[in-house]
């Protein structure tokens, strides 16, 4: 019996790089671009992947990928805009995450 489940679906990966920003307030511009892409393509894809190339974690220095299903946002008071802005903001590394520890 297999220990993993494999999903073979096509999903766009929306990648941004916060290292090149002048300040962290640029996350709003990135979020708007992602929101517009999702709205334009929500009939073509069920899942969207979001990644910040500047955000690393763990000993393997992996870039996390956040998967957004088009039915994930909403809820009682949530909107696509707030949901995506929260994800983009969460993917911005903290200052101590980017400092060299040597």
C-alpha atoms as a PDB file:
ATOM      1  CA  UNK A   1       0.000   0.000   0.000  1.00  0.00           C
ATOM      2  CA  UNK A   2       1.507   3.390  -1.009  1.00  0.00           C
ATOM      3  CA  UNK A   3       2.436   5.883   1.698  1.00  0.00           C
ATOM      4  CA  UNK A   4       1.982   8.959  -0.502  1.00  0.00           C
ATOM      5  CA  UNK A   5      -0.737  10.385  -2.700  1.00  0.00           C
ATOM      6  CA  UNK A   6       0.222  11.949  -5.992  1.00  0.00           C
ATOM      7  CA  UNK A   7      -1.913  14.603  -7.631  1.00  0.00           C
ATOM      8  CA  UNK A   8      -1.056  15.198 -11.260  1.00  0.00           C
ATOM      9  CA  UNK A   9      -2.688  18.517 -12.042  1.00  0.00           C
ATOM     10  CA  UNK A  10      -1.479  21.576 -13.823  1.00  0.00           C
ATOM     11  CA  UNK A  11      -1.224  24.651 -11.631  1.00  0.00           C
ATOM     12  CA  UNK A  12       0.500  27.948 -12.341  1.00  0.00           C
ATOM     13  CA  UNK A  13       3.320  28.930  -9.992  1.00  0.00           C
ATOM     14  CA  UNK A  14       3.284  32.652  -9.288  1.00  0.00           C
ATOM     15  CA  UNK A  15       6.801  33.593  -8.146  1.00  0.00           C
ATOM     16  CA  UNK A  16       7.973  36.938  -6.795  1.00  0.00           C
ATOM     17  CA  UNK A  17      11.255  38.141  -5.276  1.00  0.00           C
ATOM     18  CA  UNK A  18      10.960  40.543  -2.336  1.00  0.00           C
ATOM     19  CA  UNK A  19      14.741  40.978  -2.174  1.00  0.00           C
ATOM     20  CA  UNK A  20      14.519  43.480  -5.043  1.00  0.00           C
ATOM     21  CA  UNK A  21      11.888  45.672  -3.386  1.00  0.00           C
ATOM     22  CA  UNK A  22      12.687  49.178  -2.195  1.00  0.00           C
ATOM     23  CA  UNK A  23      10.495  48.533   0.872  1.00  0.00           C
ATOM     24  CA  UNK A  24       8.077  45.887   2.096  1.00  0.00           C
ATOM     25  CA  UNK A  25       5.085  48.009   1.119  1.00  0.00           C
ATOM     26  CA  UNK A  26       5.578  46.751  -2.434  1.00  0.00           C
ATOM     27  CA  UNK A  27       3.822  43.568  -1.302  1.00  0.00           C
ATOM     28  CA  UNK A  28       0.561  45.326  -2.150  1.00  0.00           C
ATOM     29  CA  UNK A  29       1.567  45.694  -5.832  1.00  0.00           C
ATOM     30  CA  UNK A  30       2.582  42.033  -5.974  1.00  0.00           C
ATOM     31  CA  UNK A  31      -0.671  40.957  -4.340  1.00  0.00           C
ATOM     32  CA  UNK A  32      -2.699  42.976  -6.866  1.00  0.00           C
ATOM     33  CA  UNK A  33      -0.865  41.296  -9.767  1.00  0.00           C
ATOM     34  CA  UNK A  34      -1.537  37.854  -8.265  1.00  0.00           C
ATOM     35  CA  UNK A  35      -5.191  38.714  -7.631  1.00  0.00           C
ATOM     36  CA  UNK A  36      -5.638  39.906 -11.204  1.00  0.00           C
ATOM     37  CA  UNK A  37      -4.039  36.721 -12.551  1.00  0.00           C
ATOM     38  CA  UNK A  38      -6.307  34.517 -10.418  1.00  0.00           C
ATOM     39  CA  UNK A  39      -9.433  36.439 -11.426  1.00  0.00           C
ATOM     40  CA  UNK A  40      -8.484  36.239 -15.099  1.00  0.00           C
ATOM     41  CA  UNK A  41      -7.656  32.513 -14.973  1.00  0.00           C
ATOM     42  CA  UNK A  42      -9.990  31.090 -12.327  1.00  0.00           C
ATOM     43  CA  UNK A  43     -11.959  29.164 -14.949  1.00  0.00           C
ATOM     44  CA  UNK A  44      -8.792  27.508 -16.279  1.00  0.00           C
ATOM     45  CA  UNK A  45      -7.228  26.438 -12.963  1.00  0.00           C
ATOM     46  CA  UNK A  46      -8.505  25.158  -9.644  1.00  0.00           C
ATOM     47  CA  UNK A  47      -5.192  25.656  -7.832  1.00  0.00           C
ATOM     48  CA  UNK A  48      -2.601  28.429  -7.850  1.00  0.00           C
ATOM     49  CA  UNK A  49       0.863  28.195  -6.270  1.00  0.00           C
ATOM     50  CA  UNK A  50       2.564  31.263  -4.772  1.00  0.00           C
ATOM     51  CA  UNK A  51       6.278  31.489  -3.920  1.00  0.00           C
ATOM     52  CA  UNK A  52       8.753  34.159  -2.813  1.00  0.00           C
ATOM     53  CA  UNK A  53      12.275  33.364  -4.049  1.00  0.00           C
ATOM     54  CA  UNK A  54      13.744  35.454  -1.202  1.00  0.00           C
ATOM     55  CA  UNK A  55      12.115  33.510   1.616  1.00  0.00           C
ATOM     56  CA  UNK A  56      13.990  30.441   2.885  1.00  0.00           C
ATOM     57  CA  UNK A  57      13.467  28.182   5.845  1.00  0.00           C
ATOM     58  CA  UNK A  58      15.058  25.123   7.367  1.00  0.00           C
ATOM     59  CA  UNK A  59      18.492  23.620   6.979  1.00  0.00           C
ATOM     60  CA  UNK A  60      17.782  22.838   3.335  1.00  0.00           C
ATOM     61  CA  UNK A  61      16.996  26.507   2.652  1.00  0.00           C
ATOM     62  CA  UNK A  62      13.798  25.673   0.821  1.00  0.00           C
ATOM     63  CA  UNK A  63      11.435  28.244  -0.641  1.00  0.00           C
ATOM     64  CA  UNK A  64       7.935  27.490   0.646  1.00  0.00           C
ATOM     65  CA  UNK A  65       5.144  27.297  -1.885  1.00  0.00           C
ATOM     66  CA  UNK A  66       1.654  28.239  -0.766  1.00  0.00           C
ATOM     67  CA  UNK A  67      -1.148  26.474  -2.573  1.00  0.00           C
ATOM     68  CA  UNK A  68      -4.363  28.414  -3.028  1.00  0.00           C
ATOM     69  CA  UNK A  69      -7.477  26.584  -4.172  1.00  0.00           C
ATOM     70  CA  UNK A  70      -9.966  28.912  -5.802  1.00  0.00           C
ATOM     71  CA  UNK A  71     -12.533  27.935  -3.152  1.00  0.00           C
ATOM     72  CA  UNK A  72     -10.180  28.508  -0.169  1.00  0.00           C
ATOM     73  CA  UNK A  73     -10.896  32.179   0.345  1.00  0.00           C
ATOM     74  CA  UNK A  74     -14.156  33.808   1.233  1.00  0.00           C
ATOM     75  CA  UNK A  75     -15.682  32.536   4.425  1.00  0.00           C
ATOM     76  CA  UNK A  76     -17.891  34.860   6.378  1.00  0.00           C
ATOM     77  CA  UNK A  77     -16.076  38.098   5.710  1.00  0.00           C
ATOM     78  CA  UNK A  78     -13.016  37.116   3.698  1.00  0.00           C
ATOM     79  CA  UNK A  79     -12.309  38.127   0.155  1.00  0.00           C
ATOM     80  CA  UNK A  80      -9.826  37.026  -2.455  1.00  0.00           C
ATOM     81  CA  UNK A  81      -8.006  40.331  -2.056  1.00  0.00           C
ATOM     82  CA  UNK A  82      -7.505  40.012   1.706  1.00  0.00           C
ATOM     83  CA  UNK A  83      -6.566  36.342   1.459  1.00  0.00           C
ATOM     84  CA  UNK A  84      -3.874  36.879  -1.182  1.00  0.00           C
ATOM     85  CA  UNK A  85      -2.495  39.986   0.544  1.00  0.00           C
ATOM     86  CA  UNK A  86      -2.133  37.976   3.756  1.00  0.00           C
ATOM     87  CA  UNK A  87      -0.287  35.195   1.922  1.00  0.00           C
ATOM     88  CA  UNK A  88       2.107  37.590   0.169  1.00  0.00           C
ATOM     89  CA  UNK A  89       2.766  39.447   3.437  1.00  0.00           C
ATOM     90  CA  UNK A  90       3.416  36.160   5.259  1.00  0.00           C
ATOM     91  CA  UNK A  91       5.981  35.194   2.608  1.00  0.00           C
ATOM     92  CA  UNK A  92       8.095  38.313   3.247  1.00  0.00           C
ATOM     93  CA  UNK A  93      11.108  37.273   5.341  1.00  0.00           C
ATOM     94  CA  UNK A  94      11.542  38.863   8.732  1.00  0.00           C
ATOM     95  CA  UNK A  95      14.624  41.056   9.051  1.00  0.00           C
ATOM     96  CA  UNK A  96      16.379  38.486  11.270  1.00  0.00           C
ATOM     97  CA  UNK A  97      15.686  35.809   8.619  1.00  0.00           C
ATOM     98  CA  UNK A  98      17.764  37.717   6.063  1.00  0.00           C
ATOM     99  CA  UNK A  99      20.710  38.704   8.289  1.00  0.00           C
ATOM    100  CA  UNK A 100      23.931  36.748   8.014  1.00  0.00           C
ATOM    101  CA  UNK A 101      24.619  34.840  11.237  1.00  0.00           C
ATOM    102  CA  UNK A 102      28.380  34.419  10.639  1.00  0.00           C
END
